[in-house]
Protein backbone atom coordinates (compact mmCIF):
# COMPACT_ATOMS: atom_id res chain seq x y z
CA UNK A 1 117.07 19.46 145.40
CA UNK A 2 118.18 22.80 146.76
CA UNK A 3 120.44 25.05 144.75
CA UNK A 4 122.93 27.41 146.23
CA UNK A 5 123.16 30.91 144.93
CA UNK A 6 125.84 33.48 145.43
CA UNK A 7 125.07 36.05 148.13
CA UNK A 8 123.85 39.41 146.90
CA UNK A 9 125.60 42.59 147.92
CA UNK A 10 123.39 45.31 149.36
CA UNK A 11 124.47 48.92 149.06
CA UNK A 12 123.39 51.67 151.44
CA UNK A 13 124.58 54.98 152.81
CA UNK A 14 125.77 53.01 155.84
CA UNK A 15 125.57 49.38 156.82
CA UNK A 16 124.43 50.68 160.19
CA UNK A 17 121.94 53.59 160.26
CA UNK A 18 124.47 56.15 161.49
CA UNK A 19 122.14 59.16 161.43
CA UNK A 20 124.73 61.39 159.74
CA UNK A 21 123.12 63.35 156.93
CA UNK A 22 124.20 66.54 155.20
CA UNK A 23 123.30 68.07 151.81
CA UNK A 24 126.96 69.06 151.53
CA UNK A 25 127.72 65.58 150.21
CA UNK A 26 125.39 66.14 147.26
CA UNK A 27 126.64 69.69 146.76
CA UNK A 28 130.29 68.65 146.59
CA UNK A 29 129.47 66.13 143.86
CA UNK A 30 127.39 68.72 141.99
CA UNK A 31 130.20 71.28 142.29
CA UNK A 32 132.52 68.69 140.77
CA UNK A 33 130.12 68.39 137.83
CA UNK A 34 130.18 72.16 137.37
CA UNK A 35 133.98 72.36 137.43
CA UNK A 36 134.35 69.35 135.13
CA UNK A 37 132.00 70.97 132.61
CA UNK A 38 134.16 74.12 132.73
CA UNK A 39 137.26 72.03 132.01
CA UNK A 40 135.44 70.12 129.26
CA UNK A 41 134.41 73.35 127.55
CA UNK A 42 137.91 74.83 127.81
CA UNK A 43 139.65 71.83 126.25
CA UNK A 44 140.08 70.76 122.65
CA UNK A 45 141.66 67.43 123.63
CA UNK A 46 139.06 64.79 122.75
CA UNK A 47 140.56 62.13 125.03
CA UNK A 48 140.46 64.56 127.96
CA UNK A 49 136.91 65.59 127.08
CA UNK A 50 135.80 61.95 127.03
CA UNK A 51 137.29 61.48 130.50
CA UNK A 52 135.48 64.61 131.66
CA UNK A 53 132.14 63.24 130.47
CA UNK A 54 132.71 59.90 132.17
CA UNK A 55 133.70 61.46 135.49
CA UNK A 56 130.90 64.05 135.33
CA UNK A 57 128.36 61.27 134.84
CA UNK A 58 129.74 59.40 137.87
CA UNK A 59 129.63 62.54 140.01
CA UNK A 60 126.07 63.34 138.89
CA UNK A 61 124.98 59.82 139.82
CA UNK A 62 126.60 60.25 143.24
CA UNK A 63 124.70 63.53 143.61
CA UNK A 64 121.47 61.63 143.01
CA UNK A 65 122.50 58.99 145.53
CA UNK A 66 123.23 61.53 148.26
CA UNK A 67 119.96 63.36 147.60
CA UNK A 68 118.07 60.07 147.75
CA UNK A 69 119.62 59.10 151.09
CA UNK A 70 118.86 62.51 152.55
CA UNK A 71 115.27 62.45 151.27
CA UNK A 72 114.46 58.93 152.41
CA UNK A 73 116.44 58.72 155.64
CA UNK A 74 116.50 62.22 157.14
CA UNK A 75 113.36 64.12 156.19
CA UNK A 76 110.16 63.16 158.05
CA UNK A 77 106.46 64.01 157.63
CA UNK A 78 106.74 66.89 160.12
CA UNK A 79 109.43 68.44 157.89
CA UNK A 80 107.03 68.33 154.95
CA UNK A 81 104.46 70.20 157.01
CA UNK A 82 107.00 72.97 157.54
CA UNK A 83 108.27 72.84 153.93
CA UNK A 84 105.36 71.70 151.72
CA UNK A 85 107.38 72.06 148.50
CA UNK A 86 110.19 69.82 149.75
CA UNK A 87 109.04 66.72 147.87
CA UNK A 88 108.84 68.71 144.64
CA UNK A 89 112.28 70.24 145.26
CA UNK A 90 113.86 66.81 145.73
CA UNK A 91 112.08 65.51 142.63
CA UNK A 92 113.36 68.47 140.60
CA UNK A 93 116.88 68.05 141.99
CA UNK A 94 116.99 64.36 141.06
CA UNK A 95 115.73 65.17 137.56
CA UNK A 96 118.26 67.99 137.27
CA UNK A 97 121.09 65.65 138.29
CA UNK A 98 119.99 63.36 135.48
CA UNK A 99 120.07 66.31 133.10
CA UNK A 100 123.61 67.14 134.24
CA UNK A 101 124.57 63.55 133.39
CA UNK A 102 123.18 64.05 129.87
CA UNK A 103 124.63 67.45 129.00
CA UNK A 104 127.76 69.58 129.26
CA UNK A 105 125.91 72.82 129.95
CA UNK A 106 127.06 74.97 132.87
CA UNK A 107 123.53 76.31 133.26
CA UNK A 108 122.27 72.78 134.01
CA UNK A 109 124.92 72.30 136.70
CA UNK A 110 124.15 75.73 138.16
CA UNK A 111 120.44 74.88 138.37
CA UNK A 112 121.30 71.68 140.23
CA UNK A 113 123.40 73.61 142.75
CA UNK A 114 120.53 76.03 143.33
CA UNK A 115 118.13 73.17 144.05
CA UNK A 116 120.60 71.59 146.46
CA UNK A 117 120.89 74.96 148.22
CA UNK A 118 117.09 74.99 148.68
CA UNK A 119 117.29 71.52 150.22
CA UNK A 120 120.14 72.67 152.44
CA UNK A 121 118.01 75.56 153.75
CA UNK A 122 115.24 73.12 154.73
CA UNK A 123 117.77 70.75 156.31
CA UNK A 124 119.21 73.56 158.41
CA UNK A 125 115.77 74.89 159.39
CA UNK A 126 114.69 71.42 160.56
CA UNK A 127 117.69 71.08 162.86
CA UNK A 128 119.85 69.04 160.52
CA UNK A 129 123.23 70.33 161.67
CA UNK A 130 122.46 69.74 165.36
CA UNK A 131 120.59 66.46 164.96
CA UNK A 132 122.76 64.75 162.35
CA UNK A 133 126.30 66.08 162.71
CA UNK A 134 128.91 65.88 165.46
CA UNK A 135 130.06 69.10 167.07
CA UNK A 136 133.64 70.13 166.35
CA UNK A 137 136.07 69.50 169.16
CA UNK A 138 137.21 72.53 171.14
CA UNK A 139 140.25 74.11 169.52
CA UNK A 140 139.58 72.37 166.20
């Protein structure tokens, strides 16, 4: 006898490999973490602070997701030849995003932003903006 099972949902950056990649997605989420930590530290309202922690953890997880997509879908072996520390930088950034999830320290969020900026430099130097983004329309 054959049993039927419910279909599983698969999650990806895109359902179709769109080829649009940009470290800015990760940076925006990491900036949110930084600003949320500032608000957390400035508040004495425990309900507000709990909300800050929850949202910060969500944003840090999204940072990890965007880094993972960029690492696995955009960067190629030839990019590693040009930037031999790229694998280590991504590894550190993912670990730092996890640390941001665990703490409410601005220094942890700042370190994450610095690592994302290193990744952004490699992305730009490997042609990321031209190869993965659409040009702005004239007059835009």
